[in-house]
């Protein structure tokens, strides 16, 4: 079994996330305490108890999802003896999950990762007034067709492909009016279904340029080490180990497309047969089989999932 460890992005958060982990494993509790301290708020209480509308705010959801992923990582390392340098061929993360992947691979310290994602969330939310941007998932259209829909819908506004998640699952992002036009055009072009996503800002499009500037500044001040295994970057869908290049790609990723489908296919082309999803939910595990039926996905985000993986 040749494994890559992958880390989920926004949308996988839910009230109660991490609570069972904290109850079962001391290393998980330590991670949540360290993250709370780093972001100067009781983020773990919000994760365990809600309210959901506060947890969904991107400035909270981003560090919270990372915290659950890194709690799982610590448990795998301390209780299961997992060594990323030996046990993983690659790491990769979906959008904010890229920061979780880099923390797992030793590029960022945990506290720095939490602060970076707090900054990223705040900057993304501030970049566009609430209600002016939107994102929509187009189901049943391939990337080329989805990009053609976006171009037609733009009409002088921003409307671009933000996530290429799997075959027939592309997310568009941009100005709300353009995204609403895209939903109508997509149905005319044969999309099986098109749905507005419950997000608070239009991620991964040119409207996020102010947030990219904020991340360039934040990343310039943070200590970074080369990852112990290569990162498959969202922007290039290829392996990266150079710290300066990784920093540049993290900035570019704020406005660029998450090339998840291609990233997974790249890993498979290099011999990976199993994606281990570390953190909340099972979104990436579900996408693995949709991208390539020969891949298997394992979700490691609960005490039961961790124990099954280590068995």
C-alpha atoms as a PDB file:
ATOM      1  CA  UNK A   1       0.000   0.000   0.000  1.00  0.00           C
ATOM      2  CA  UNK A   2       1.462   3.344  -1.083  1.00  0.00           C
ATOM      3  CA  UNK A   3      -0.165   6.160   0.842  1.00  0.00           C
ATOM      4  CA  UNK A   4      -0.673   9.884   0.471  1.00  0.00           C
ATOM      5  CA  UNK A   5      -2.116  11.806   3.408  1.00  0.00           C
ATOM      6  CA  UNK A   6      -4.745  14.366   2.384  1.00  0.00           C
ATOM      7  CA  UNK A   7      -6.392  17.113   4.414  1.00  0.00           C
ATOM      8  CA  UNK A   8      -9.936  18.483   3.998  1.00  0.00           C
ATOM      9  CA  UNK A   9     -11.018  22.059   3.341  1.00  0.00           C
ATOM     10  CA  UNK A  10     -13.966  24.256   4.150  1.00  0.00           C
ATOM     11  CA  UNK A  11     -17.381  22.609   4.102  1.00  0.00           C
ATOM     12  CA  UNK A  12     -16.268  19.666   6.243  1.00  0.00           C
ATOM     13  CA  UNK A  13     -16.856  21.534   9.527  1.00  0.00           C
ATOM     14  CA  UNK A  14     -19.701  20.501  11.850  1.00  0.00           C
ATOM     15  CA  UNK A  15     -20.608  21.246  15.458  1.00  0.00           C
ATOM     16  CA  UNK A  16     -19.122  18.513  17.633  1.00  0.00           C
ATOM     17  CA  UNK A  17     -15.990  18.155  15.485  1.00  0.00           C
ATOM     18  CA  UNK A  18     -12.990  17.013  17.499  1.00  0.00           C
ATOM     19  CA  UNK A  19     -14.991  16.374  20.684  1.00  0.00           C
ATOM     20  CA  UNK A  20     -14.647  12.582  20.599  1.00  0.00           C
ATOM     21  CA  UNK A  21     -10.954  12.901  19.757  1.00  0.00           C
ATOM     22  CA  UNK A  22     -10.399  15.170  22.762  1.00  0.00           C
ATOM     23  CA  UNK A  23     -12.250  12.710  24.991  1.00  0.00           C
ATOM     24  CA  UNK A  24     -10.254   9.729  23.774  1.00  0.00           C
ATOM     25  CA  UNK A  25      -6.692  11.001  23.277  1.00  0.00           C
ATOM     26  CA  UNK A  26      -4.446  13.297  25.337  1.00  0.00           C
ATOM     27  CA  UNK A  27      -2.365  14.353  22.278  1.00  0.00           C
ATOM     28  CA  UNK A  28      -5.579  15.623  20.627  1.00  0.00           C
ATOM     29  CA  UNK A  29      -6.491  17.656  23.712  1.00  0.00           C
ATOM     30  CA  UNK A  30      -3.018  19.204  23.664  1.00  0.00           C
ATOM     31  CA  UNK A  31      -3.473  20.301  20.043  1.00  0.00           C
ATOM     32  CA  UNK A  32      -6.821  21.960  20.766  1.00  0.00           C
ATOM     33  CA  UNK A  33      -5.339  23.783  23.779  1.00  0.00           C
ATOM     34  CA  UNK A  34      -2.365  24.970  21.724  1.00  0.00           C
ATOM     35  CA  UNK A  35      -4.619  26.252  18.925  1.00  0.00           C
ATOM     36  CA  UNK A  36      -6.909  28.049  21.415  1.00  0.00           C
ATOM     37  CA  UNK A  37      -3.851  29.761  22.865  1.00  0.00           C
ATOM     38  CA  UNK A  38      -2.487  30.688  19.411  1.00  0.00           C
ATOM     39  CA  UNK A  39      -5.702  32.329  18.147  1.00  0.00           C
ATOM     40  CA  UNK A  40      -6.572  33.835  21.555  1.00  0.00           C
ATOM     41  CA  UNK A  41     -10.102  32.414  21.661  1.00  0.00           C
ATOM     42  CA  UNK A  42     -11.895  29.287  22.916  1.00  0.00           C
ATOM     43  CA  UNK A  43     -12.061  27.830  19.445  1.00  0.00           C
ATOM     44  CA  UNK A  44     -12.313  24.279  20.812  1.00  0.00           C
ATOM     45  CA  UNK A  45     -15.479  25.190  22.743  1.00  0.00           C
ATOM     46  CA  UNK A  46     -16.987  26.599  19.532  1.00  0.00           C
ATOM     47  CA  UNK A  47     -16.021  23.403  17.681  1.00  0.00           C
ATOM     48  CA  UNK A  48     -17.481  21.101  20.329  1.00  0.00           C
ATOM     49  CA  UNK A  49     -20.646  23.076  21.167  1.00  0.00           C
ATOM     50  CA  UNK A  50     -21.326  25.618  18.424  1.00  0.00           C
ATOM     51  CA  UNK A  51     -23.304  27.699  17.577  1.00  0.00           C
ATOM     52  CA  UNK A  52     -23.074  26.521  13.989  1.00  0.00           C
ATOM     53  CA  UNK A  53     -23.351  30.009  12.455  1.00  0.00           C
ATOM     54  CA  UNK A  54     -20.215  31.097  14.337  1.00  0.00           C
ATOM     55  CA  UNK A  55     -18.292  27.931  13.472  1.00  0.00           C
ATOM     56  CA  UNK A  56     -19.168  28.392   9.776  1.00  0.00           C
ATOM     57  CA  UNK A  57     -17.601  31.879   9.690  1.00  0.00           C
ATOM     58  CA  UNK A  58     -14.488  31.366   7.608  1.00  0.00           C
ATOM     59  CA  UNK A  59     -12.159  32.958  10.200  1.00  0.00           C
ATOM     60  CA  UNK A  60     -13.257  30.221  12.638  1.00  0.00           C
ATOM     61  CA  UNK A  61     -13.860  27.314  10.246  1.00  0.00           C
ATOM     62  CA  UNK A  62     -10.357  27.496   8.760  1.00  0.00           C
ATOM     63  CA  UNK A  63      -8.294  27.137  11.968  1.00  0.00           C
ATOM     64  CA  UNK A  64     -10.905  24.731  13.390  1.00  0.00           C
ATOM     65  CA  UNK A  65     -10.601  22.293  10.489  1.00  0.00           C
ATOM     66  CA  UNK A  66      -6.820  22.463  10.712  1.00  0.00           C
ATOM     67  CA  UNK A  67      -6.995  21.797  14.472  1.00  0.00           C
ATOM     68  CA  UNK A  68      -8.980  18.577  13.963  1.00  0.00           C
ATOM     69  CA  UNK A  69      -6.588  17.423  11.225  1.00  0.00           C
ATOM     70  CA  UNK A  70      -3.511  18.112  13.355  1.00  0.00           C
ATOM     71  CA  UNK A  71      -5.109  16.497  16.404  1.00  0.00           C
ATOM     72  CA  UNK A  72      -5.461  13.348  14.293  1.00  0.00           C
ATOM     73  CA  UNK A  73      -1.864  13.708  13.085  1.00  0.00           C
ATOM     74  CA  UNK A  74      -0.541  13.971  16.659  1.00  0.00           C
ATOM     75  CA  UNK A  75      -2.515  10.904  17.723  1.00  0.00           C
ATOM     76  CA  UNK A  76      -1.255   8.918  14.723  1.00  0.00           C
ATOM     77  CA  UNK A  77       2.314   9.941  15.561  1.00  0.00           C
ATOM     78  CA  UNK A  78       2.249   9.527  19.350  1.00  0.00           C
ATOM     79  CA  UNK A  79      -0.127   6.587  19.748  1.00  0.00           C
ATOM     80  CA  UNK A  80       0.491   4.797  16.464  1.00  0.00           C
ATOM     81  CA  UNK A  81       4.119   5.576  15.671  1.00  0.00           C
ATOM     82  CA  UNK A  82       3.193   6.965  12.245  1.00  0.00           C
ATOM     83  CA  UNK A  83       6.164   8.719  10.671  1.00  0.00           C
ATOM     84  CA  UNK A  84       5.205  10.883   7.711  1.00  0.00           C
ATOM     85  CA  UNK A  85       8.702  10.822   6.231  1.00  0.00           C
ATOM     86  CA  UNK A  86       8.579   7.004   6.087  1.00  0.00           C
ATOM     87  CA  UNK A  87       4.846   6.279   5.772  1.00  0.00           C
ATOM     88  CA  UNK A  88       3.681   8.904   3.250  1.00  0.00           C
ATOM     89  CA  UNK A  89       4.747   9.391  -0.330  1.00  0.00           C
ATOM     90  CA  UNK A  90       3.026  12.792  -0.512  1.00  0.00           C
ATOM     91  CA  UNK A  91       0.816  15.175   1.432  1.00  0.00           C
ATOM     92  CA  UNK A  92      -1.883  17.355  -0.109  1.00  0.00           C
ATOM     93  CA  UNK A  93      -4.739  19.481   1.158  1.00  0.00           C
ATOM     94  CA  UNK A  94      -7.865  20.998  -0.329  1.00  0.00           C
ATOM     95  CA  UNK A  95      -7.592  24.806  -0.128  1.00  0.00           C
ATOM     96  CA  UNK A  96      -7.034  25.596   3.583  1.00  0.00           C
ATOM     97  CA  UNK A  97      -6.148  21.892   3.927  1.00  0.00           C
ATOM     98  CA  UNK A  98      -2.861  22.739   2.224  1.00  0.00           C
ATOM     99  CA  UNK A  99      -1.827  24.498   5.452  1.00  0.00           C
ATOM    100  CA  UNK A 100      -2.820  21.421   7.483  1.00  0.00           C
ATOM    101  CA  UNK A 101      -0.763  19.248   5.113  1.00  0.00           C
ATOM    102  CA  UNK A 102       2.266  21.506   5.515  1.00  0.00           C
ATOM    103  CA  UNK A 103       1.918  21.542   9.308  1.00  0.00           C
ATOM    104  CA  UNK A 104       1.741  17.727   9.278  1.00  0.00           C
ATOM    105  CA  UNK A 105       4.868  17.598   7.103  1.00  0.00           C
ATOM    106  CA  UNK A 106       6.798  19.903   9.432  1.00  0.00           C
ATOM    107  CA  UNK A 107       6.853  23.074   7.310  1.00  0.00           C
ATOM    108  CA  UNK A 108       4.860  25.171   9.792  1.00  0.00           C
ATOM    109  CA  UNK A 109       4.662  25.025  13.576  1.00  0.00           C
ATOM    110  CA  UNK A 110       1.134  24.322  14.846  1.00  0.00           C
ATOM    111  CA  UNK A 111       0.639  27.744  16.488  1.00  0.00           C
ATOM    112  CA  UNK A 112       1.858  29.545  13.361  1.00  0.00           C
ATOM    113  CA  UNK A 113      -0.534  27.503  11.198  1.00  0.00           C
ATOM    114  CA  UNK A 114      -3.470  28.442  13.427  1.00  0.00           C
ATOM    115  CA  UNK A 115      -2.585  32.150  13.282  1.00  0.00           C
ATOM    116  CA  UNK A 116      -2.035  32.028   9.502  1.00  0.00           C
ATOM    117  CA  UNK A 117      -5.463  30.477   8.947  1.00  0.00           C
ATOM    118  CA  UNK A 118      -7.129  32.979  11.279  1.00  0.00           C
ATOM    119  CA  UNK A 119      -5.520  35.741   9.193  1.00  0.00           C
ATOM    120  CA  UNK A 120      -6.487  33.994   5.942  1.00  0.00           C
ATOM    121  CA  UNK A 121     -10.104  33.620   7.048  1.00  0.00           C
ATOM    122  CA  UNK A 122     -10.409  37.240   8.186  1.00  0.00           C
ATOM    123  CA  UNK A 123      -8.750  38.533   5.003  1.00  0.00           C
ATOM    124  CA  UNK A 124     -10.974  36.414   2.745  1.00  0.00           C
ATOM    125  CA  UNK A 125     -14.111  37.581   4.538  1.00  0.00           C
ATOM    126  CA  UNK A 126     -13.024  41.233   4.396  1.00  0.00           C
ATOM    127  CA  UNK A 127     -12.115  41.089   0.684  1.00  0.00           C
ATOM    128  CA  UNK A 128     -15.735  41.094  -0.517  1.00  0.00           C
ATOM    129  CA  UNK A 129     -18.795  42.531   1.294  1.00  0.00           C
ATOM    130  CA  UNK A 130     -21.198  39.788   2.408  1.00  0.00           C
ATOM    131  CA  UNK A 131     -23.769  39.080  -0.301  1.00  0.00           C
ATOM    132  CA  UNK A 132     -21.745  40.433  -3.229  1.00  0.00           C
ATOM    133  CA  UNK A 133     -19.952  37.186  -4.029  1.00  0.00           C
ATOM    134  CA  UNK A 134     -21.116  33.601  -4.413  1.00  0.00           C
ATOM    135  CA  UNK A 135     -19.971  30.092  -5.294  1.00  0.00           C
ATOM    136  CA  UNK A 136     -21.872  27.344  -7.093  1.00  0.00           C
ATOM    137  CA  UNK A 137     -21.214  23.655  -7.684  1.00  0.00           C
ATOM    138  CA  UNK A 138     -21.927  22.448 -11.214  1.00  0.00           C
ATOM    139  CA  UNK A 139     -22.595  18.715 -11.244  1.00  0.00           C
ATOM    140  CA  UNK A 140     -22.388  16.760 -14.476  1.00  0.00           C
ATOM    141  CA  UNK A 141     -20.125  19.146 -16.414  1.00  0.00           C
ATOM    142  CA  UNK A 142     -16.419  18.587 -17.053  1.00  0.00           C
ATOM    143  CA  UNK A 143     -13.898  21.372 -16.418  1.00  0.00           C
ATOM    144  CA  UNK A 144     -13.777  22.670 -20.017  1.00  0.00           C
ATOM    145  CA  UNK A 145     -17.569  22.914 -20.216  1.00  0.00           C
ATOM    146  CA  UNK A 146     -17.768  24.568 -16.790  1.00  0.00           C
ATOM    147  CA  UNK A 147     -15.140  27.128 -17.811  1.00  0.00           C
ATOM    148  CA  UNK A 148     -17.126  27.903 -20.971  1.00  0.00           C
ATOM    149  CA  UNK A 149     -20.239  28.454 -18.824  1.00  0.00           C
ATOM    150  CA  UNK A 150     -18.260  30.788 -16.545  1.00  0.00           C
ATOM    151  CA  UNK A 151     -16.944  32.827 -19.482  1.00  0.00           C
ATOM    152  CA  UNK A 152     -20.436  33.259 -20.921  1.00  0.00           C
ATOM    153  CA  UNK A 153     -21.904  34.171 -17.536  1.00  0.00           C
ATOM    154  CA  UNK A 154     -19.230  36.724 -16.583  1.00  0.00           C
ATOM    155  CA  UNK A 155     -20.485  39.627 -18.759  1.00  0.00           C
ATOM    156  CA  UNK A 156     -17.784  41.931 -17.464  1.00  0.00           C
ATOM    157  CA  UNK A 157     -17.926  40.565 -13.897  1.00  0.00           C
ATOM    158  CA  UNK A 158     -15.805  37.893 -12.211  1.00  0.00           C
ATOM    159  CA  UNK A 159     -16.900  34.292 -12.790  1.00  0.00           C
ATOM    160  CA  UNK A 160     -14.255  31.563 -12.887  1.00  0.00           C
ATOM    161  CA  UNK A 161     -13.667  27.914 -11.998  1.00  0.00           C
ATOM    162  CA  UNK A 162     -12.527  27.791  -8.358  1.00  0.00           C
ATOM    163  CA  UNK A 163     -12.326  24.043  -7.644  1.00  0.00           C
ATOM    164  CA  UNK A 164     -11.936  21.150 -10.070  1.00  0.00           C
ATOM    165  CA  UNK A 165     -12.920  18.539  -7.500  1.00  0.00           C
ATOM    166  CA  UNK A 166     -13.645  15.434  -9.581  1.00  0.00           C
ATOM    167  CA  UNK A 167     -14.923  14.458 -12.987  1.00  0.00           C
ATOM    168  CA  UNK A 168     -18.293  16.203 -13.342  1.00  0.00           C
ATOM    169  CA  UNK A 169     -17.898  18.263 -10.159  1.00  0.00           C
ATOM    170  CA  UNK A 170     -16.608  21.799 -10.709  1.00  0.00           C
ATOM    171  CA  UNK A 171     -17.176  24.813  -8.436  1.00  0.00           C
ATOM    172  CA  UNK A 172     -17.449  28.352  -9.832  1.00  0.00           C
ATOM    173  CA  UNK A 173     -16.741  31.524  -7.868  1.00  0.00           C
ATOM    174  CA  UNK A 174     -17.303  35.237  -8.495  1.00  0.00           C
ATOM    175  CA  UNK A 175     -19.804  38.072  -8.340  1.00  0.00           C
ATOM    176  CA  UNK A 176     -23.222  36.858  -7.174  1.00  0.00           C
ATOM    177  CA  UNK A 177     -25.121  38.021 -10.270  1.00  0.00           C
ATOM    178  CA  UNK A 178     -22.613  36.275 -12.571  1.00  0.00           C
ATOM    179  CA  UNK A 179     -22.801  33.051 -10.543  1.00  0.00           C
ATOM    180  CA  UNK A 180     -26.611  33.128 -10.721  1.00  0.00           C
ATOM    181  CA  UNK A 181     -26.373  33.551 -14.510  1.00  0.00           C
ATOM    182  CA  UNK A 182     -23.923  30.626 -14.629  1.00  0.00           C
ATOM    183  CA  UNK A 183     -26.395  28.360 -12.821  1.00  0.00           C
ATOM    184  CA  UNK A 184     -29.023  29.068 -15.502  1.00  0.00           C
ATOM    185  CA  UNK A 185     -26.578  28.637 -18.389  1.00  0.00           C
ATOM    186  CA  UNK A 186     -25.230  25.396 -16.891  1.00  0.00           C
ATOM    187  CA  UNK A 187     -28.674  23.817 -16.836  1.00  0.00           C
ATOM    188  CA  UNK A 188     -29.091  24.729 -20.521  1.00  0.00           C
ATOM    189  CA  UNK A 189     -25.689  23.117 -21.224  1.00  0.00           C
ATOM    190  CA  UNK A 190     -26.695  19.804 -19.678  1.00  0.00           C
ATOM    191  CA  UNK A 191     -25.543  20.101 -16.076  1.00  0.00           C
ATOM    192  CA  UNK A 192     -27.297  17.498 -13.958  1.00  0.00           C
ATOM    193  CA  UNK A 193     -27.632  19.949 -11.084  1.00  0.00           C
ATOM    194  CA  UNK A 194     -26.227  23.341 -10.125  1.00  0.00           C
ATOM    195  CA  UNK A 195     -26.404  24.609  -6.566  1.00  0.00           C
ATOM    196  CA  UNK A 196     -25.342  27.753  -4.742  1.00  0.00           C
ATOM    197  CA  UNK A 197     -22.953  26.826  -1.914  1.00  0.00           C
ATOM    198  CA  UNK A 198     -23.523  28.056   1.657  1.00  0.00           C
ATOM    199  CA  UNK A 199     -20.273  30.029   1.855  1.00  0.00           C
ATOM    200  CA  UNK A 200     -19.646  33.491   3.246  1.00  0.00           C
ATOM    201  CA  UNK A 201     -17.294  34.684   0.484  1.00  0.00           C
ATOM    202  CA  UNK A 202     -16.313  33.841  -3.135  1.00  0.00           C
ATOM    203  CA  UNK A 203     -13.094  31.904  -2.577  1.00  0.00           C
ATOM    204  CA  UNK A 204     -10.441  31.152  -5.212  1.00  0.00           C
ATOM    205  CA  UNK A 205     -11.237  33.907  -7.675  1.00  0.00           C
ATOM    206  CA  UNK A 206      -9.843  37.354  -8.557  1.00  0.00           C
ATOM    207  CA  UNK A 207     -12.162  39.043  -6.016  1.00  0.00           C
ATOM    208  CA  UNK A 208      -9.870  37.580  -3.325  1.00  0.00           C
ATOM    209  CA  UNK A 209      -6.856  39.683  -4.436  1.00  0.00           C
ATOM    210  CA  UNK A 210      -6.802  41.749  -1.191  1.00  0.00           C
ATOM    211  CA  UNK A 211      -6.659  38.503   0.788  1.00  0.00           C
ATOM    212  CA  UNK A 212      -3.747  37.259  -1.344  1.00  0.00           C
ATOM    213  CA  UNK A 213      -1.854  40.453  -0.470  1.00  0.00           C
ATOM    214  CA  UNK A 214      -2.583  39.890   3.233  1.00  0.00           C
ATOM    215  CA  UNK A 215      -1.275  36.314   3.019  1.00  0.00           C
ATOM    216  CA  UNK A 216       1.881  37.402   1.184  1.00  0.00           C
ATOM    217  CA  UNK A 217       2.606  39.696   4.109  1.00  0.00           C
ATOM    218  CA  UNK A 218       1.710  37.107   6.775  1.00  0.00           C
ATOM    219  CA  UNK A 219       3.756  34.341   5.138  1.00  0.00           C
ATOM    220  CA  UNK A 220       6.814  36.574   4.774  1.00  0.00           C
ATOM    221  CA  UNK A 221       7.137  36.706   8.576  1.00  0.00           C
ATOM    222  CA  UNK A 222       6.629  33.012   9.381  1.00  0.00           C
ATOM    223  CA  UNK A 223       9.357  30.439   9.847  1.00  0.00           C
ATOM    224  CA  UNK A 224       9.079  27.655   7.240  1.00  0.00           C
ATOM    225  CA  UNK A 225      11.033  24.400   6.888  1.00  0.00           C
ATOM    226  CA  UNK A 226      11.121  22.079   3.879  1.00  0.00           C
ATOM    227  CA  UNK A 227       8.337  19.464   4.194  1.00  0.00           C
ATOM    228  CA  UNK A 228       9.539  15.970   5.132  1.00  0.00           C
ATOM    229  CA  UNK A 229       7.604  14.638   2.111  1.00  0.00           C
ATOM    230  CA  UNK A 230       6.639  16.570  -1.032  1.00  0.00           C
ATOM    231  CA  UNK A 231       3.454  18.648  -1.058  1.00  0.00           C
ATOM    232  CA  UNK A 232       1.185  18.281  -4.083  1.00  0.00           C
ATOM    233  CA  UNK A 233       0.256  21.935  -4.509  1.00  0.00           C
ATOM    234  CA  UNK A 234      -3.297  22.990  -5.395  1.00  0.00           C
ATOM    235  CA  UNK A 235      -2.073  25.474  -7.981  1.00  0.00           C
ATOM    236  CA  UNK A 236       0.352  23.243  -9.915  1.00  0.00           C
ATOM    237  CA  UNK A 237      -1.023  19.738  -9.202  1.00  0.00           C
ATOM    238  CA  UNK A 238       2.620  18.642  -8.887  1.00  0.00           C
ATOM    239  CA  UNK A 239       5.169  17.929  -6.164  1.00  0.00           C
ATOM    240  CA  UNK A 240       6.852  20.790  -4.301  1.00  0.00           C
ATOM    241  CA  UNK A 241       9.561  20.792  -1.620  1.00  0.00           C
ATOM    242  CA  UNK A 242      11.166  24.221  -2.063  1.00  0.00           C
ATOM    243  CA  UNK A 243      10.061  26.571   0.718  1.00  0.00           C
ATOM    244  CA  UNK A 244      10.165  29.768  -1.381  1.00  0.00           C
ATOM    245  CA  UNK A 245       8.076  28.117  -4.093  1.00  0.00           C
ATOM    246  CA  UNK A 246       5.581  26.762  -1.549  1.00  0.00           C
ATOM    247  CA  UNK A 247       5.220  30.252  -0.041  1.00  0.00           C
ATOM    248  CA  UNK A 248       4.574  31.750  -3.477  1.00  0.00           C
ATOM    249  CA  UNK A 249       2.003  29.076  -4.335  1.00  0.00           C
ATOM    250  CA  UNK A 250       0.146  29.576  -1.035  1.00  0.00           C
ATOM    251  CA  UNK A 251      -0.333  33.236  -1.981  1.00  0.00           C
ATOM    252  CA  UNK A 252      -1.364  32.368  -5.535  1.00  0.00           C
ATOM    253  CA  UNK A 253      -3.806  29.752  -4.213  1.00  0.00           C
ATOM    254  CA  UNK A 254      -6.013  32.452  -2.616  1.00  0.00           C
ATOM    255  CA  UNK A 255      -7.166  33.660  -6.048  1.00  0.00           C
ATOM    256  CA  UNK A 256      -6.319  30.538  -8.094  1.00  0.00           C
ATOM    257  CA  UNK A 257      -8.118  27.296  -8.866  1.00  0.00           C
ATOM    258  CA  UNK A 258      -7.808  24.250  -6.602  1.00  0.00           C
ATOM    259  CA  UNK A 259      -6.751  21.551  -9.090  1.00  0.00           C
ATOM    260  CA  UNK A 260      -7.810  18.669  -6.854  1.00  0.00           C
ATOM    261  CA  UNK A 261      -8.770  16.165  -9.567  1.00  0.00           C
ATOM    262  CA  UNK A 262      -5.402  16.621 -11.302  1.00  0.00           C
ATOM    263  CA  UNK A 263      -3.557  16.508  -7.956  1.00  0.00           C
ATOM    264  CA  UNK A 264      -5.076  13.128  -7.144  1.00  0.00           C
ATOM    265  CA  UNK A 265      -4.317  11.787 -10.623  1.00  0.00           C
ATOM    266  CA  UNK A 266      -0.721  13.028 -10.301  1.00  0.00           C
ATOM    267  CA  UNK A 267      -0.319  11.123  -7.027  1.00  0.00           C
ATOM    268  CA  UNK A 268      -1.756   7.986  -8.621  1.00  0.00           C
ATOM    269  CA  UNK A 269       0.644   8.349 -11.566  1.00  0.00           C
ATOM    270  CA  UNK A 270       3.504   8.270  -9.033  1.00  0.00           C
ATOM    271  CA  UNK A 271       2.319   5.001  -7.506  1.00  0.00           C
ATOM    272  CA  UNK A 272      -0.099   6.102  -4.770  1.00  0.00           C
ATOM    273  CA  UNK A 273      -3.003   3.676  -4.354  1.00  0.00           C
ATOM    274  CA  UNK A 274      -4.514   4.867  -1.049  1.00  0.00           C
ATOM    275  CA  UNK A 275      -5.540   8.355   0.082  1.00  0.00           C
ATOM    276  CA  UNK A 276      -5.681   8.716   3.856  1.00  0.00           C
ATOM    277  CA  UNK A 277      -8.010  11.617   4.710  1.00  0.00           C
ATOM    278  CA  UNK A 278      -6.906  13.137   8.004  1.00  0.00           C
ATOM    279  CA  UNK A 279      -9.485  15.318   9.750  1.00  0.00           C
ATOM    280  CA  UNK A 280     -13.171  16.191   9.782  1.00  0.00           C
ATOM    281  CA  UNK A 281     -15.617  14.476   7.444  1.00  0.00           C
ATOM    282  CA  UNK A 282     -15.128  12.199   4.455  1.00  0.00           C
ATOM    283  CA  UNK A 283     -15.358  14.572   1.474  1.00  0.00           C
ATOM    284  CA  UNK A 284     -11.947  13.742  -0.019  1.00  0.00           C
ATOM    285  CA  UNK A 285     -12.451  10.007   0.571  1.00  0.00           C
ATOM    286  CA  UNK A 286     -15.650  10.231  -1.473  1.00  0.00           C
ATOM    287  CA  UNK A 287     -13.930  12.192  -4.240  1.00  0.00           C
ATOM    288  CA  UNK A 288     -11.062   9.669  -4.506  1.00  0.00           C
ATOM    289  CA  UNK A 289     -13.249   6.951  -6.039  1.00  0.00           C
ATOM    290  CA  UNK A 290     -14.995   9.450  -8.305  1.00  0.00           C
ATOM    291  CA  UNK A 291     -11.637  10.595  -9.663  1.00  0.00           C
ATOM    292  CA  UNK A 292     -10.243   7.093 -10.207  1.00  0.00           C
ATOM    293  CA  UNK A 293     -11.980   3.834  -9.292  1.00  0.00           C
ATOM    294  CA  UNK A 294      -8.642   2.106  -8.657  1.00  0.00           C
ATOM    295  CA  UNK A 295      -7.903   4.416  -5.725  1.00  0.00           C
ATOM    296  CA  UNK A 296      -9.042   3.600  -2.235  1.00  0.00           C
ATOM    297  CA  UNK A 297      -9.797   6.228   0.384  1.00  0.00           C
ATOM    298  CA  UNK A 298      -9.609   5.880   4.166  1.00  0.00           C
ATOM    299  CA  UNK A 299     -11.061   8.519   6.522  1.00  0.00           C
ATOM    300  CA  UNK A 300      -9.095   9.020   9.732  1.00  0.00           C
ATOM    301  CA  UNK A 301     -10.993  11.647  11.683  1.00  0.00           C
ATOM    302  CA  UNK A 302     -12.640   9.868  14.615  1.00  0.00           C
ATOM    303  CA  UNK A 303     -11.332   7.596  17.400  1.00  0.00           C
ATOM    304  CA  UNK A 304     -12.836   4.600  15.544  1.00  0.00           C
ATOM    305  CA  UNK A 305     -11.233   5.694  12.257  1.00  0.00           C
ATOM    306  CA  UNK A 306      -7.841   6.134  13.886  1.00  0.00           C
ATOM    307  CA  UNK A 307      -7.999   2.778  15.670  1.00  0.00           C
ATOM    308  CA  UNK A 308      -9.048   1.000  12.462  1.00  0.00           C
ATOM    309  CA  UNK A 309      -6.206   2.650  10.535  1.00  0.00           C
ATOM    310  CA  UNK A 310      -3.615   1.703  13.169  1.00  0.00           C
ATOM    311  CA  UNK A 311      -4.896  -1.866  13.566  1.00  0.00           C
END
